[in-house]
Amino acid sequence: MPENFVSDTATALLLRPREFLANARDLVTLKAAVREQSPRYVDIKVPAVVIAGDADTTVWPSIHSRPFAAAVPNAKLIMLPGVGHLVQNAAPELVMGEIDAMISGIAQGTRAAAN
């Protein structure tokens, strides 16, 4: 966790009753929602890159990241050893590089389709 994470991200706002209940509802319904959505992963046609930390105990790679990447055609999976949930803080250059690569690929595909 980055220094000053709690104060910089206003984490205390999550403890307000309305937000706390909304987050609790999301957690309770998450498994059913994923179970309902997962059969449609094979229909995803857009570029997909999954960057996950193998030490993530919030969104478990064995339940979420790996099965999603395996089901989505041509998805790219990048597992970061020893990294937890906030991969964007642990490897910002990697995350930005993958986003830039996807944007470049989409732009090239758009230009090719226009020609």
PDB file of N, CA and C in Angstrom:
ATOM      1  N   MET A   1       0.844  -1.176   0.000  1.00  0.00           N
ATOM      2  CA  MET A   1       0.000   0.000   0.000  1.00  0.00           C
ATOM      3  C   MET A   1       0.890   1.241   0.000  1.00  0.00           C
ATOM      4  N   PRO A   2       0.602   2.164  -0.888  1.00  0.00           N
ATOM      5  CA  PRO A   2       1.411   3.385  -0.932  1.00  0.00           C
ATOM      6  C   PRO A   2       1.284   4.192   0.359  1.00  0.00           C
ATOM      7  N   GLU A   3       2.315   4.946   0.644  1.00  0.00           N
ATOM      8  CA  GLU A   3       2.291   5.820   1.814  1.00  0.00           C
ATOM      9  C   GLU A   3       1.122   6.799   1.655  1.00  0.00           C
ATOM     10  N   ASN A   4       0.435   7.085   2.735  1.00  0.00           N
ATOM     11  CA  ASN A   4      -0.705   8.010   2.773  1.00  0.00           C
ATOM     12  C   ASN A   4      -1.912   7.539   1.962  1.00  0.00           C
ATOM     13  N   PHE A   5      -1.987   6.255   1.659  1.00  0.00           N
ATOM     14  CA  PHE A   5      -3.087   5.741   0.834  1.00  0.00           C
ATOM     15  C   PHE A   5      -4.451   6.072   1.437  1.00  0.00           C
ATOM     16  N   VAL A   6      -4.622   5.792   2.716  1.00  0.00           N
ATOM     17  CA  VAL A   6      -5.925   5.990   3.349  1.00  0.00           C
ATOM     18  C   VAL A   6      -6.333   7.457   3.308  1.00  0.00           C
ATOM     19  N   SER A   7      -5.435   8.346   3.678  1.00  0.00           N
ATOM     20  CA  SER A   7      -5.801   9.772   3.687  1.00  0.00           C
ATOM     21  C   SER A   7      -5.941  10.336   2.272  1.00  0.00           C
ATOM     22  N   ASP A   8      -5.104   9.904   1.351  1.00  0.00           N
ATOM     23  CA  ASP A   8      -5.155  10.433  -0.013  1.00  0.00           C
ATOM     24  C   ASP A   8      -6.367   9.953  -0.800  1.00  0.00           C
ATOM     25  N   THR A   9      -6.926   8.817  -0.436  1.00  0.00           N
ATOM     26  CA  THR A   9      -8.048   8.265  -1.194  1.00  0.00           C
ATOM     27  C   THR A   9      -9.385   8.436  -0.495  1.00  0.00           C
ATOM     28  N   ALA A  10      -9.413   9.140   0.616  1.00  0.00           N
ATOM     29  CA  ALA A  10     -10.653   9.387   1.353  1.00  0.00           C
ATOM     30  C   ALA A  10     -11.374   8.080   1.675  1.00  0.00           C
ATOM     31  N   THR A  11     -10.615   7.084   2.087  1.00  0.00           N
ATOM     32  CA  THR A  11     -11.162   5.767   2.408  1.00  0.00           C
ATOM     33  C   THR A  11     -12.258   5.842   3.462  1.00  0.00           C
ATOM     34  N   ALA A  12     -12.154   6.804   4.362  1.00  0.00           N
ATOM     35  CA  ALA A  12     -13.172   6.931   5.418  1.00  0.00           C
ATOM     36  C   ALA A  12     -14.569   7.147   4.848  1.00  0.00           C
ATOM     37  N   LEU A  13     -14.663   7.701   3.653  1.00  0.00           N
ATOM     38  CA  LEU A  13     -15.978   7.911   3.041  1.00  0.00           C
ATOM     39  C   LEU A  13     -16.707   6.592   2.794  1.00  0.00           C
ATOM     40  N   LEU A  14     -15.961   5.504   2.655  1.00  0.00           N
ATOM     41  CA  LEU A  14     -16.580   4.187   2.446  1.00  0.00           C
ATOM     42  C   LEU A  14     -17.330   3.705   3.676  1.00  0.00           C
ATOM     43  N   LEU A  15     -17.049   4.310   4.812  1.00  0.00           N
ATOM     44  CA  LEU A  15     -17.696   3.885   6.047  1.00  0.00           C
ATOM     45  C   LEU A  15     -19.009   4.629   6.314  1.00  0.00           C
ATOM     46  N   ARG A  16     -19.375   5.552   5.447  1.00  0.00           N
ATOM     47  CA  ARG A  16     -20.679   6.187   5.584  1.00  0.00           C
ATOM     48  C   ARG A  16     -21.745   5.116   5.375  1.00  0.00           C
ATOM     49  N   PRO A  17     -22.842   5.173   6.123  1.00  0.00           N
ATOM     50  CA  PRO A  17     -23.836   4.080   6.073  1.00  0.00           C
ATOM     51  C   PRO A  17     -24.289   3.695   4.674  1.00  0.00           C
ATOM     52  N   ARG A  18     -24.620   4.642   3.842  1.00  0.00           N
ATOM     53  CA  ARG A  18     -25.119   4.329   2.497  1.00  0.00           C
ATOM     54  C   ARG A  18     -24.054   3.600   1.668  1.00  0.00           C
ATOM     55  N   GLU A  19     -22.829   4.103   1.675  1.00  0.00           N
ATOM     56  CA  GLU A  19     -21.743   3.489   0.911  1.00  0.00           C
ATOM     57  C   GLU A  19     -21.363   2.126   1.486  1.00  0.00           C
ATOM     58  N   PHE A  20     -21.343   2.028   2.823  1.00  0.00           N
ATOM     59  CA  PHE A  20     -21.018   0.760   3.461  1.00  0.00           C
ATOM     60  C   PHE A  20     -22.024  -0.311   3.061  1.00  0.00           C
ATOM     61  N   LEU A  21     -23.310   0.035   3.094  1.00  0.00           N
ATOM     62  CA  LEU A  21     -24.351  -0.933   2.707  1.00  0.00           C
ATOM     63  C   LEU A  21     -24.250  -1.293   1.225  1.00  0.00           C
ATOM     64  N   ALA A  22     -23.961  -0.316   0.378  1.00  0.00           N
ATOM     65  CA  ALA A  22     -23.819  -0.593  -1.052  1.00  0.00           C
ATOM     66  C   ALA A  22     -22.646  -1.539  -1.305  1.00  0.00           C
ATOM     67  N   ASN A  23     -21.524  -1.305  -0.640  1.00  0.00           N
ATOM     68  CA  ASN A  23     -20.365  -2.194  -0.799  1.00  0.00           C
ATOM     69  C   ASN A  23     -20.667  -3.588  -0.272  1.00  0.00           C
ATOM     70  N   ALA A  24     -21.363  -3.659   0.857  1.00  0.00           N
ATOM     71  CA  ALA A  24     -21.727  -4.964   1.420  1.00  0.00           C
ATOM     72  C   ALA A  24     -22.637  -5.718   0.459  1.00  0.00           C
ATOM     73  N   ARG A  25     -23.592  -5.007  -0.145  1.00  0.00           N
ATOM     74  CA  ARG A  25     -24.504  -5.628  -1.120  1.00  0.00           C
ATOM     75  C   ARG A  25     -23.720  -6.160  -2.325  1.00  0.00           C
ATOM     76  N   ASP A  26     -22.760  -5.363  -2.794  1.00  0.00           N
ATOM     77  CA  ASP A  26     -21.921  -5.799  -3.914  1.00  0.00           C
ATOM     78  C   ASP A  26     -21.160  -7.074  -3.563  1.00  0.00           C
ATOM     79  N   LEU A  27     -20.593  -7.118  -2.365  1.00  0.00           N
ATOM     80  CA  LEU A  27     -19.840  -8.308  -1.956  1.00  0.00           C
ATOM     81  C   LEU A  27     -20.726  -9.539  -1.878  1.00  0.00           C
ATOM     82  N   VAL A  28     -21.924  -9.374  -1.348  1.00  0.00           N
ATOM     83  CA  VAL A  28     -22.839 -10.505  -1.182  1.00  0.00           C
ATOM     84  C   VAL A  28     -23.305 -11.044  -2.533  1.00  0.00           C
ATOM     85  N   THR A  29     -23.478 -10.168  -3.512  1.00  0.00           N
ATOM     86  CA  THR A  29     -24.018 -10.595  -4.810  1.00  0.00           C
ATOM     87  C   THR A  29     -22.937 -10.895  -5.848  1.00  0.00           C
ATOM     88  N   LEU A  30     -21.666 -10.687  -5.497  1.00  0.00           N
ATOM     89  CA  LEU A  30     -20.588 -10.817  -6.479  1.00  0.00           C
ATOM     90  C   LEU A  30     -20.504 -12.208  -7.100  1.00  0.00           C
ATOM     91  N   LYS A  31     -20.503 -13.246  -6.289  1.00  0.00           N
ATOM     92  CA  LYS A  31     -20.343 -14.594  -6.849  1.00  0.00           C
ATOM     93  C   LYS A  31     -21.454 -14.937  -7.831  1.00  0.00           C
ATOM     94  N   ALA A  32     -22.676 -14.597  -7.490  1.00  0.00           N
ATOM     95  CA  ALA A  32     -23.790 -14.892  -8.395  1.00  0.00           C
ATOM     96  C   ALA A  32     -23.656 -14.091  -9.688  1.00  0.00           C
ATOM     97  N   ALA A  33     -23.230 -12.849  -9.579  1.00  0.00           N
ATOM     98  CA  ALA A  33     -23.073 -12.015 -10.775  1.00  0.00           C
ATOM     99  C   ALA A  33     -21.983 -12.571 -11.681  1.00  0.00           C
ATOM    100  N   VAL A  34     -20.862 -12.967 -11.104  1.00  0.00           N
ATOM    101  CA  VAL A  34     -19.770 -13.536 -11.899  1.00  0.00           C
ATOM    102  C   VAL A  34     -20.217 -14.848 -12.536  1.00  0.00           C
ATOM    103  N   ARG A  35     -20.913 -15.673 -11.790  1.00  0.00           N
ATOM    104  CA  ARG A  35     -21.413 -16.945 -12.317  1.00  0.00           C
ATOM    105  C   ARG A  35     -22.352 -16.711 -13.502  1.00  0.00           C
ATOM    106  N   GLU A  36     -23.176 -15.669 -13.419  1.00  0.00           N
ATOM    107  CA  GLU A  36     -24.110 -15.360 -14.503  1.00  0.00           C
ATOM    108  C   GLU A  36     -23.397 -14.778 -15.722  1.00  0.00           C
ATOM    109  N   GLN A  37     -22.374 -13.957 -15.488  1.00  0.00           N
ATOM    110  CA  GLN A  37     -21.665 -13.303 -16.591  1.00  0.00           C
ATOM    111  C   GLN A  37     -20.657 -14.213 -17.287  1.00  0.00           C
ATOM    112  N   SER A  38     -20.031 -15.093 -16.551  1.00  0.00           N
ATOM    113  CA  SER A  38     -18.886 -15.844 -17.073  1.00  0.00           C
ATOM    114  C   SER A  38     -19.158 -16.635 -18.345  1.00  0.00           C
ATOM    115  N   PRO A  39     -20.340 -17.203 -18.574  1.00  0.00           N
ATOM    116  CA  PRO A  39     -20.548 -17.902 -19.847  1.00  0.00           C
ATOM    117  C   PRO A  39     -20.439 -16.988 -21.067  1.00  0.00           C
ATOM    118  N   ARG A  40     -20.571 -15.686 -20.873  1.00  0.00           N
ATOM    119  CA  ARG A  40     -20.522 -14.743 -21.999  1.00  0.00           C
ATOM    120  C   ARG A  40     -19.107 -14.226 -22.256  1.00  0.00           C
ATOM    121  N   TYR A  41     -18.139 -14.598 -21.442  1.00  0.00           N
ATOM    122  CA  TYR A  41     -16.761 -14.131 -21.643  1.00  0.00           C
ATOM    123  C   TYR A  41     -16.242 -14.504 -23.031  1.00  0.00           C
ATOM    124  N   VAL A  42     -16.651 -15.649 -23.530  1.00  0.00           N
ATOM    125  CA  VAL A  42     -16.185 -16.087 -24.854  1.00  0.00           C
ATOM    126  C   VAL A  42     -16.658 -15.166 -25.973  1.00  0.00           C
ATOM    127  N   ASP A  43     -17.674 -14.359 -25.693  1.00  0.00           N
ATOM    128  CA  ASP A  43     -18.214 -13.441 -26.695  1.00  0.00           C
ATOM    129  C   ASP A  43     -17.475 -12.108 -26.745  1.00  0.00           C
ATOM    130  N   ILE A  44     -16.547 -11.893 -25.855  1.00  0.00           N
ATOM    131  CA  ILE A  44     -15.818 -10.623 -25.828  1.00  0.00           C
ATOM    132  C   ILE A  44     -14.869 -10.587 -27.019  1.00  0.00           C
ATOM    133  N   LYS A  45     -15.015  -9.573 -27.841  1.00  0.00           N
ATOM    134  CA  LYS A  45     -14.217  -9.461 -29.061  1.00  0.00           C
ATOM    135  C   LYS A  45     -13.192  -8.330 -29.011  1.00  0.00           C
ATOM    136  N   VAL A  46     -13.251  -7.485 -28.006  1.00  0.00           N
ATOM    137  CA  VAL A  46     -12.313  -6.364 -27.892  1.00  0.00           C
ATOM    138  C   VAL A  46     -11.019  -6.848 -27.243  1.00  0.00           C
ATOM    139  N   PRO A  47      -9.937  -6.118 -27.467  1.00  0.00           N
ATOM    140  CA  PRO A  47      -8.676  -6.496 -26.816  1.00  0.00           C
ATOM    141  C   PRO A  47      -8.837  -6.521 -25.296  1.00  0.00           C
ATOM    142  N   ALA A  48      -8.226  -7.480 -24.662  1.00  0.00           N
ATOM    143  CA  ALA A  48      -8.309  -7.595 -23.205  1.00  0.00           C
ATOM    144  C   ALA A  48      -6.939  -7.948 -22.647  1.00  0.00           C
ATOM    145  N   VAL A  49      -6.527  -7.194 -21.664  1.00  0.00           N
ATOM    146  CA  VAL A  49      -5.303  -7.479 -20.932  1.00  0.00           C
ATOM    147  C   VAL A  49      -5.680  -7.541 -19.464  1.00  0.00           C
ATOM    148  N   VAL A  50      -5.304  -8.614 -18.816  1.00  0.00           N
ATOM    149  CA  VAL A  50      -5.557  -8.780 -17.392  1.00  0.00           C
ATOM    150  C   VAL A  50      -4.211  -8.717 -16.686  1.00  0.00           C
ATOM    151  N   ILE A  51      -4.081  -7.749 -15.805  1.00  0.00           N
ATOM    152  CA  ILE A  51      -2.861  -7.620 -15.009  1.00  0.00           C
ATOM    153  C   ILE A  51      -3.263  -7.869 -13.568  1.00  0.00           C
ATOM    154  N   ALA A  52      -2.691  -8.878 -12.971  1.00  0.00           N
ATOM    155  CA  ALA A  52      -3.078  -9.250 -11.612  1.00  0.00           C
ATOM    156  C   ALA A  52      -1.851  -9.595 -10.784  1.00  0.00           C
ATOM    157  N   GLY A  53      -1.998  -9.384  -9.501  1.00  0.00           N
ATOM    158  CA  GLY A  53      -0.956  -9.782  -8.576  1.00  0.00           C
ATOM    159  C   GLY A  53      -1.247 -11.162  -8.034  1.00  0.00           C
ATOM    160  N   ASP A  54      -0.246 -12.017  -7.994  1.00  0.00           N
ATOM    161  CA  ASP A  54      -0.506 -13.381  -7.510  1.00  0.00           C
ATOM    162  C   ASP A  54      -0.713 -13.436  -5.993  1.00  0.00           C
ATOM    163  N   ALA A  55      -0.499 -12.306  -5.305  1.00  0.00           N
ATOM    164  CA  ALA A  55      -0.732 -12.240  -3.868  1.00  0.00           C
ATOM    165  C   ALA A  55      -2.020 -11.471  -3.547  1.00  0.00           C
ATOM    166  N   ASP A  56      -2.871 -11.268  -4.545  1.00  0.00           N
ATOM    167  CA  ASP A  56      -4.124 -10.536  -4.351  1.00  0.00           C
ATOM    168  C   ASP A  56      -5.094 -11.401  -3.562  1.00  0.00           C
ATOM    169  N   THR A  57      -5.502 -10.913  -2.406  1.00  0.00           N
ATOM    170  CA  THR A  57      -6.496 -11.630  -1.602  1.00  0.00           C
ATOM    171  C   THR A  57      -7.837 -10.894  -1.600  1.00  0.00           C
ATOM    172  N   THR A  58      -7.969  -9.903  -2.473  1.00  0.00           N
ATOM    173  CA  THR A  58      -9.241  -9.194  -2.635  1.00  0.00           C
ATOM    174  C   THR A  58      -9.997  -9.774  -3.824  1.00  0.00           C
ATOM    175  N   VAL A  59      -9.317  -9.868  -4.960  1.00  0.00           N
ATOM    176  CA  VAL A  59      -9.869 -10.482  -6.172  1.00  0.00           C
ATOM    177  C   VAL A  59      -8.912 -11.623  -6.514  1.00  0.00           C
ATOM    178  N   TRP A  60      -9.246 -12.799  -6.055  1.00  0.00           N
ATOM    179  CA  TRP A  60      -8.353 -13.945  -6.158  1.00  0.00           C
ATOM    180  C   TRP A  60      -8.066 -14.298  -7.616  1.00  0.00           C
ATOM    181  N   PRO A  61      -6.792 -14.347  -8.011  1.00  0.00           N
ATOM    182  CA  PRO A  61      -6.451 -14.703  -9.394  1.00  0.00           C
ATOM    183  C   PRO A  61      -6.978 -16.075  -9.812  1.00  0.00           C
ATOM    184  N   SER A  62      -6.993 -17.021  -8.901  1.00  0.00           N
ATOM    185  CA  SER A  62      -7.447 -18.369  -9.259  1.00  0.00           C
ATOM    186  C   SER A  62      -8.950 -18.420  -9.534  1.00  0.00           C
ATOM    187  N   ILE A  63      -9.689 -17.468  -9.006  1.00  0.00           N
ATOM    188  CA  ILE A  63     -11.147 -17.439  -9.193  1.00  0.00           C
ATOM    189  C   ILE A  63     -11.534 -16.464 -10.306  1.00  0.00           C
ATOM    190  N   HIS A  64     -10.799 -15.358 -10.416  1.00  0.00           N
ATOM    191  CA  HIS A  64     -11.210 -14.298 -11.328  1.00  0.00           C
ATOM    192  C   HIS A  64     -10.260 -14.116 -12.517  1.00  0.00           C
ATOM    193  N   SER A  65      -9.053 -13.678 -12.268  1.00  0.00           N
ATOM    194  CA  SER A  65      -8.130 -13.276 -13.342  1.00  0.00           C
ATOM    195  C   SER A  65      -7.818 -14.409 -14.304  1.00  0.00           C
ATOM    196  N   ARG A  66      -7.374 -15.530 -13.774  1.00  0.00           N
ATOM    197  CA  ARG A  66      -6.971 -16.636 -14.653  1.00  0.00           C
ATOM    198  C   ARG A  66      -8.146 -17.201 -15.455  1.00  0.00           C
ATOM    199  N   PRO A  67      -9.299 -17.505 -14.813  1.00  0.00           N
ATOM    200  CA  PRO A  67     -10.422 -18.014 -15.612  1.00  0.00           C
ATOM    201  C   PRO A  67     -10.926 -17.000 -16.643  1.00  0.00           C
ATOM    202  N   PHE A  68     -10.953 -15.716 -16.287  1.00  0.00           N
ATOM    203  CA  PHE A  68     -11.390 -14.700 -17.240  1.00  0.00           C
ATOM    204  C   PHE A  68     -10.465 -14.669 -18.449  1.00  0.00           C
ATOM    205  N   ALA A  69      -9.164 -14.604 -18.197  1.00  0.00           N
ATOM    206  CA  ALA A  69      -8.189 -14.557 -19.297  1.00  0.00           C
ATOM    207  C   ALA A  69      -8.234 -15.826 -20.147  1.00  0.00           C
ATOM    208  N   ALA A  70      -8.500 -16.958 -19.520  1.00  0.00           N
ATOM    209  CA  ALA A  70      -8.576 -18.213 -20.276  1.00  0.00           C
ATOM    210  C   ALA A  70      -9.823 -18.269 -21.147  1.00  0.00           C
ATOM    211  N   ALA A  71     -10.896 -17.624 -20.709  1.00  0.00           N
ATOM    212  CA  ALA A  71     -12.159 -17.697 -21.442  1.00  0.00           C
ATOM    213  C   ALA A  71     -12.272 -16.673 -22.562  1.00  0.00           C
ATOM    214  N   VAL A  72     -11.611 -15.532 -22.412  1.00  0.00           N
ATOM    215  CA  VAL A  72     -11.726 -14.459 -23.406  1.00  0.00           C
ATOM    216  C   VAL A  72     -10.762 -14.743 -24.560  1.00  0.00           C
ATOM    217  N   PRO A  73     -11.284 -14.808 -25.782  1.00  0.00           N
ATOM    218  CA  PRO A  73     -10.399 -15.083 -26.919  1.00  0.00           C
ATOM    219  C   PRO A  73      -9.287 -14.032 -27.024  1.00  0.00           C
ATOM    220  N   ASN A  74      -8.086 -14.499 -27.171  1.00  0.00           N
ATOM    221  CA  ASN A  74      -6.908 -13.639 -27.353  1.00  0.00           C
ATOM    222  C   ASN A  74      -6.605 -12.707 -26.194  1.00  0.00           C
ATOM    223  N   ALA A  75      -7.105 -13.002 -25.008  1.00  0.00           N
ATOM    224  CA  ALA A  75      -6.777 -12.173 -23.845  1.00  0.00           C
ATOM    225  C   ALA A  75      -5.330 -12.412 -23.444  1.00  0.00           C
ATOM    226  N   LYS A  76      -4.721 -11.385 -22.927  1.00  0.00           N
ATOM    227  CA  LYS A  76      -3.348 -11.457 -22.449  1.00  0.00           C
ATOM    228  C   LYS A  76      -3.388 -11.394 -20.930  1.00  0.00           C
ATOM    229  N   LEU A  77      -2.744 -12.340 -20.274  1.00  0.00           N
ATOM    230  CA  LEU A  77      -2.689 -12.377 -18.813  1.00  0.00           C
ATOM    231  C   LEU A  77      -1.269 -12.088 -18.355  1.00  0.00           C
ATOM    232  N   ILE A  78      -1.138 -11.115 -17.471  1.00  0.00           N
ATOM    233  CA  ILE A  78       0.154 -10.790 -16.877  1.00  0.00           C
ATOM    234  C   ILE A  78       0.000 -10.951 -15.369  1.00  0.00           C
ATOM    235  N   MET A  79       0.714 -11.929 -14.809  1.00  0.00           N
ATOM    236  CA  MET A  79       0.683 -12.156 -13.362  1.00  0.00           C
ATOM    237  C   MET A  79       1.947 -11.559 -12.751  1.00  0.00           C
ATOM    238  N   LEU A  80       1.771 -10.723 -11.753  1.00  0.00           N
ATOM    239  CA  LEU A  80       2.895 -10.082 -11.081  1.00  0.00           C
ATOM    240  C   LEU A  80       3.180 -10.804  -9.769  1.00  0.00           C
ATOM    241  N   PRO A  81       4.351 -11.427  -9.659  1.00  0.00           N
ATOM    242  CA  PRO A  81       4.674 -12.185  -8.455  1.00  0.00           C
ATOM    243  C   PRO A  81       4.830 -11.274  -7.234  1.00  0.00           C
ATOM    244  N   GLY A  82       4.214 -11.709  -6.138  1.00  0.00           N
ATOM    245  CA  GLY A  82       4.347 -10.993  -4.875  1.00  0.00           C
ATOM    246  C   GLY A  82       3.546  -9.710  -4.786  1.00  0.00           C
ATOM    247  N   VAL A  83       2.712  -9.427  -5.779  1.00  0.00           N
ATOM    248  CA  VAL A  83       1.935  -8.189  -5.804  1.00  0.00           C
ATOM    249  C   VAL A  83       0.508  -8.490  -5.367  1.00  0.00           C
ATOM    250  N   GLY A  84      -0.061  -7.552  -4.615  1.00  0.00           N
ATOM    251  CA  GLY A  84      -1.430  -7.688  -4.137  1.00  0.00           C
ATOM    252  C   GLY A  84      -2.435  -7.060  -5.084  1.00  0.00           C
ATOM    253  N   HIS A  85      -3.458  -6.456  -4.512  1.00  0.00           N
ATOM    254  CA  HIS A  85      -4.617  -5.988  -5.279  1.00  0.00           C
ATOM    255  C   HIS A  85      -4.348  -4.747  -6.125  1.00  0.00           C
ATOM    256  N   LEU A  86      -3.509  -3.846  -5.687  1.00  0.00           N
ATOM    257  CA  LEU A  86      -3.340  -2.571  -6.389  1.00  0.00           C
ATOM    258  C   LEU A  86      -2.167  -2.629  -7.366  1.00  0.00           C
ATOM    259  N   VAL A  87      -2.345  -3.378  -8.442  1.00  0.00           N
ATOM    260  CA  VAL A  87      -1.263  -3.536  -9.421  1.00  0.00           C
ATOM    261  C   VAL A  87      -0.867  -2.202 -10.043  1.00  0.00           C
ATOM    262  N   GLN A  88      -1.813  -1.289 -10.157  1.00  0.00           N
ATOM    263  CA  GLN A  88      -1.505   0.012 -10.746  1.00  0.00           C
ATOM    264  C   GLN A  88      -0.524   0.807  -9.877  1.00  0.00           C
ATOM    265  N   ASN A  89      -0.485   0.524  -8.586  1.00  0.00           N
ATOM    266  CA  ASN A  89       0.490   1.178  -7.701  1.00  0.00           C
ATOM    267  C   ASN A  89       1.815   0.430  -7.681  1.00  0.00           C
ATOM    268  N   ALA A  90       1.750  -0.884  -7.832  1.00  0.00           N
ATOM    269  CA  ALA A  90       2.968  -1.697  -7.786  1.00  0.00           C
ATOM    270  C   ALA A  90       3.761  -1.622  -9.081  1.00  0.00           C
ATOM    271  N   ALA A  91       3.070  -1.485 -10.204  1.00  0.00           N
ATOM    272  CA  ALA A  91       3.738  -1.485 -11.513  1.00  0.00           C
ATOM    273  C   ALA A  91       3.074  -0.485 -12.452  1.00  0.00           C
ATOM    274  N   PRO A  92       3.114   0.800 -12.114  1.00  0.00           N
ATOM    275  CA  PRO A  92       2.406   1.787 -12.949  1.00  0.00           C
ATOM    276  C   PRO A  92       2.917   1.854 -14.381  1.00  0.00           C
ATOM    277  N   GLU A  93       4.211   1.699 -14.576  1.00  0.00           N
ATOM    278  CA  GLU A  93       4.758   1.769 -15.941  1.00  0.00           C
ATOM    279  C   GLU A  93       4.239   0.619 -16.790  1.00  0.00           C
ATOM    280  N   LEU A  94       4.159  -0.557 -16.204  1.00  0.00           N
ATOM    281  CA  LEU A  94       3.633  -1.720 -16.920  1.00  0.00           C
ATOM    282  C   LEU A  94       2.174  -1.494 -17.302  1.00  0.00           C
ATOM    283  N   VAL A  95       1.378  -1.046 -16.359  1.00  0.00           N
ATOM    284  CA  VAL A  95      -0.042  -0.810 -16.616  1.00  0.00           C
ATOM    285  C   VAL A  95      -0.208   0.238 -17.724  1.00  0.00           C
ATOM    286  N   MET A  96       0.496   1.360 -17.606  1.00  0.00           N
ATOM    287  CA  MET A  96       0.396   2.404 -18.632  1.00  0.00           C
ATOM    288  C   MET A  96       0.897   1.910 -19.986  1.00  0.00           C
ATOM    289  N   GLY A  97       1.955   1.110 -19.983  1.00  0.00           N
ATOM    290  CA  GLY A  97       2.470   0.555 -21.236  1.00  0.00           C
ATOM    291  C   GLY A  97       1.471  -0.359 -21.913  1.00  0.00           C
ATOM    292  N   GLU A  98       0.778  -1.181 -21.134  1.00  0.00           N
ATOM    293  CA  GLU A  98      -0.232  -2.077 -21.706  1.00  0.00           C
ATOM    294  C   GLU A  98      -1.421  -1.294 -22.242  1.00  0.00           C
ATOM    295  N   ILE A  99      -1.815  -0.247 -21.541  1.00  0.00           N
ATOM    296  CA  ILE A  99      -2.906   0.607 -22.033  1.00  0.00           C
ATOM    297  C   ILE A  99      -2.493   1.275 -23.340  1.00  0.00           C
ATOM    298  N   ASP A 100      -1.286   1.832 -23.372  1.00  0.00           N
ATOM    299  CA  ASP A 100      -0.789   2.467 -24.601  1.00  0.00           C
ATOM    300  C   ASP A 100      -0.735   1.469 -25.755  1.00  0.00           C
ATOM    301  N   ALA A 101      -0.287   0.246 -25.476  1.00  0.00           N
ATOM    302  CA  ALA A 101      -0.203  -0.781 -26.530  1.00  0.00           C
ATOM    303  C   ALA A 101      -1.594  -1.122 -27.062  1.00  0.00           C
ATOM    304  N   MET A 102      -2.578  -1.205 -26.175  1.00  0.00           N
ATOM    305  CA  MET A 102      -3.939  -1.498 -26.621  1.00  0.00           C
ATOM    306  C   MET A 102      -4.480  -0.356 -27.471  1.00  0.00           C
ATOM    307  N   ILE A 103      -4.252   0.887 -27.033  1.00  0.00           N
ATOM    308  CA  ILE A 103      -4.727   2.038 -27.797  1.00  0.00           C
ATOM    309  C   ILE A 103      -4.074   2.067 -29.173  1.00  0.00           C
ATOM    310  N   SER A 104      -2.778   1.816 -29.217  1.00  0.00           N
ATOM    311  CA  SER A 104      -2.070   1.788 -30.502  1.00  0.00           C
ATOM    312  C   SER A 104      -2.627   0.698 -31.406  1.00  0.00           C
ATOM    313  N   GLY A 105      -2.884  -0.461 -30.841  1.00  0.00           N
ATOM    314  CA  GLY A 105      -3.434  -1.568 -31.619  1.00  0.00           C
ATOM    315  C   GLY A 105      -4.812  -1.263 -32.153  1.00  0.00           C
ATOM    316  N   ILE A 106      -5.634  -0.614 -31.339  1.00  0.00           N
ATOM    317  CA  ILE A 106      -6.977  -0.240 -31.778  1.00  0.00           C
ATOM    318  C   ILE A 106      -6.886   0.807 -32.881  1.00  0.00           C
ATOM    319  N   ALA A 107      -6.012   1.780 -32.691  1.00  0.00           N
ATOM    320  CA  ALA A 107      -5.844   2.830 -33.698  1.00  0.00           C
ATOM    321  C   ALA A 107      -5.362   2.238 -35.020  1.00  0.00           C
ATOM    322  N   GLN A 108      -4.414   1.305 -34.969  1.00  0.00           N
ATOM    323  CA  GLN A 108      -3.911   0.674 -36.187  1.00  0.00           C
ATOM    324  C   GLN A 108      -5.018  -0.125 -36.865  1.00  0.00           C
ATOM    325  N   GLY A 109      -5.823  -0.811 -36.072  1.00  0.00           N
ATOM    326  CA  GLY A 109      -6.931  -1.584 -36.628  1.00  0.00           C
ATOM    327  C   GLY A 109      -7.976  -0.697 -37.281  1.00  0.00           C
ATOM    328  N   THR A 110      -8.218   0.464 -36.684  1.00  0.00           N
ATOM    329  CA  THR A 110      -9.176   1.423 -37.254  1.00  0.00           C
ATOM    330  C   THR A 110      -8.664   1.976 -38.570  1.00  0.00           C
ATOM    331  N   ARG A 111      -7.370   2.279 -38.605  1.00  0.00           N
ATOM    332  CA  ARG A 111      -6.789   2.799 -39.859  1.00  0.00           C
ATOM    333  C   ARG A 111      -6.822   1.736 -40.941  1.00  0.00           C
ATOM    334  N   ALA A 112      -6.538   0.495 -40.565  1.00  0.00           N
ATOM    335  CA  ALA A 112      -6.526  -0.589 -41.558  1.00  0.00           C
ATOM    336  C   ALA A 112      -7.941  -0.821 -42.096  1.00  0.00           C
ATOM    337  N   ALA A 113      -8.930  -0.727 -41.230  1.00  0.00           N
ATOM    338  CA  ALA A 113     -10.322  -0.937 -41.656  1.00  0.00           C
ATOM    339  C   ALA A 113     -10.793   0.188 -42.575  1.00  0.00           C
ATOM    340  N   ALA A 114     -10.255   1.389 -42.357  1.00  0.00           N
ATOM    341  CA  ALA A 114     -10.652   2.544 -43.187  1.00  0.00           C
ATOM    342  C   ALA A 114     -10.060   2.468 -44.584  1.00  0.00           C
ATOM    343  N   ASN A 115      -8.930   1.771 -44.719  1.00  0.00           N
ATOM    344  CA  ASN A 115      -8.265   1.685 -46.035  1.00  0.00           C
ATOM    345  C   ASN A 115      -8.883   0.646 -46.861  1.00  0.00           C
TER     346      ASN A 115
END
